[in-house]
Amino acid sequence: MDNSFKDREQGMEAKFAHDLEQEFRIHAQRDRLFAEWVADQMSDSAPPDYADTLLEFAFGRAPGDLIAKALQDLHNHGIALADTKIQKAYDRCEAQAEIEA
């Protein structure tokens, strides 16, 4: 009986680790897709490595921080987009990342 509890515990730990890894991959993919979308909105006015820079900014930050940074960067490049449009794009990127995972 002692082994069955140990096996169950190990199974639960493995599932927890798998779920965390999956969540990390989804968030990384979501942030990459969103950074590319923001760079596309800037078209030619975006620096060549803008998407990479925004992706680096996103690491370890809350989604709201990433969206605020993107909104500010777009504004700085003279591109006026509604907060709701940016939020919808972010949500689409997250949905796509979940599908691709």
Protein backbone atom coordinates (compact mmCIF):
# COMPACT_ATOMS: atom_id res chain seq x y z
CA MET A 1 0.00 0.00 0.00
CA ASP A 2 2.91 2.35 0.69
CA ASN A 3 4.08 2.04 -2.91
CA SER A 4 0.69 2.97 -4.34
CA PHE A 5 0.70 6.27 -2.44
CA LYS A 6 4.26 6.96 -3.55
CA ASP A 7 3.36 6.12 -7.17
CA ARG A 8 0.32 8.35 -6.98
CA GLU A 9 2.38 11.20 -5.52
CA GLN A 10 5.00 10.85 -8.25
CA GLY A 11 2.28 10.81 -10.90
CA MET A 12 0.75 13.97 -9.52
CA GLU A 13 4.15 15.69 -9.38
CA ALA A 14 4.88 14.68 -12.97
CA LYS A 15 1.49 16.03 -14.10
CA PHE A 16 2.06 19.28 -12.23
CA ALA A 17 5.48 19.71 -13.86
CA HIS A 18 4.03 18.91 -17.29
CA ASP A 19 1.20 21.41 -16.82
CA LEU A 20 3.65 24.16 -15.78
CA GLU A 21 5.86 23.46 -18.79
CA GLN A 22 2.85 23.52 -21.11
CA GLU A 23 1.65 26.81 -19.63
CA PHE A 24 5.12 28.32 -20.09
CA ARG A 25 5.22 27.23 -23.74
CA ILE A 26 1.76 28.68 -24.40
CA HIS A 27 2.69 32.02 -22.80
CA ALA A 28 5.97 32.19 -24.72
CA GLN A 29 4.21 31.46 -28.01
CA ARG A 30 1.42 33.95 -27.22
CA ASP A 31 3.96 36.68 -26.46
CA ARG A 32 5.91 35.91 -29.65
CA LEU A 33 2.77 36.07 -31.79
CA PHE A 34 1.69 39.31 -30.11
CA ALA A 35 5.13 40.92 -30.54
CA GLU A 36 5.05 40.05 -34.23
CA TRP A 37 1.53 41.47 -34.55
CA VAL A 38 2.60 44.75 -32.94
CA ALA A 39 5.64 44.95 -35.23
CA ASP A 40 3.36 44.35 -38.24
CA GLN A 41 1.14 47.24 -37.13
CA MET A 42 4.19 49.51 -37.23
CA SER A 43 5.10 48.18 -40.70
CA ASP A 44 8.17 50.01 -41.99
CA SER A 45 8.50 52.31 -38.98
CA ALA A 46 9.39 49.44 -36.63
CA PRO A 47 13.06 48.79 -35.95
CA PRO A 48 14.16 45.48 -37.53
CA ASP A 49 14.48 43.76 -34.16
CA TYR A 50 11.41 45.32 -32.54
CA ALA A 51 9.50 42.04 -32.12
CA ASP A 52 12.53 40.47 -30.40
CA THR A 53 12.87 43.50 -28.11
CA LEU A 54 9.20 43.39 -27.14
CA LEU A 55 9.43 39.64 -26.58
CA GLU A 56 12.38 40.14 -24.22
CA PHE A 57 10.40 42.81 -22.38
CA ALA A 58 7.49 40.38 -21.94
CA PHE A 59 9.54 37.72 -20.16
CA GLY A 60 8.48 37.56 -16.51
CA ARG A 61 5.99 40.40 -16.80
CA ALA A 62 2.23 40.46 -16.47
CA PRO A 63 0.14 40.56 -19.66
CA GLY A 64 -1.08 44.05 -18.77
CA ASP A 65 2.50 45.33 -18.75
CA LEU A 66 3.14 43.90 -22.21
CA ILE A 67 -0.07 45.37 -23.61
CA ALA A 68 0.70 48.78 -22.06
CA LYS A 69 4.22 48.73 -23.54
CA ALA A 70 2.88 47.80 -26.96
CA LEU A 71 0.26 50.55 -26.77
CA GLN A 72 2.91 53.11 -25.80
CA ASP A 73 5.28 51.96 -28.55
CA LEU A 74 2.52 52.17 -31.14
CA HIS A 75 1.62 55.65 -29.91
CA ASN A 76 5.28 56.69 -30.09
CA HIS A 77 5.31 55.60 -33.74
CA GLY A 78 2.23 57.68 -34.50
CA ILE A 79 -0.13 54.71 -34.68
CA ALA A 80 -3.40 55.18 -32.85
CA LEU A 81 -5.14 51.92 -32.01
CA ALA A 82 -7.90 51.49 -29.48
CA ASP A 83 -7.09 49.61 -26.30
CA THR A 84 -9.82 47.16 -27.17
CA LYS A 85 -8.26 46.36 -30.55
CA ILE A 86 -4.92 45.64 -28.92
CA GLN A 87 -6.57 43.52 -26.23
CA LYS A 88 -8.47 41.54 -28.88
CA ALA A 89 -5.26 40.94 -30.81
CA TYR A 90 -3.59 39.74 -27.62
CA ASP A 91 -6.52 37.42 -26.92
CA ARG A 92 -6.35 36.02 -30.47
CA CYS A 93 -2.64 35.38 -30.04
CA GLU A 94 -3.32 33.52 -26.80
CA ALA A 95 -6.05 31.41 -28.42
CA GLN A 96 -3.76 30.57 -31.33
CA ALA A 97 -0.93 29.62 -28.96
CA GLU A 98 -3.26 27.29 -27.06
CA ILE A 99 -4.31 25.62 -30.31
CA GLU A 100 -0.69 25.20 -31.44
CA ALA A 101 0.38 23.75 -28.08
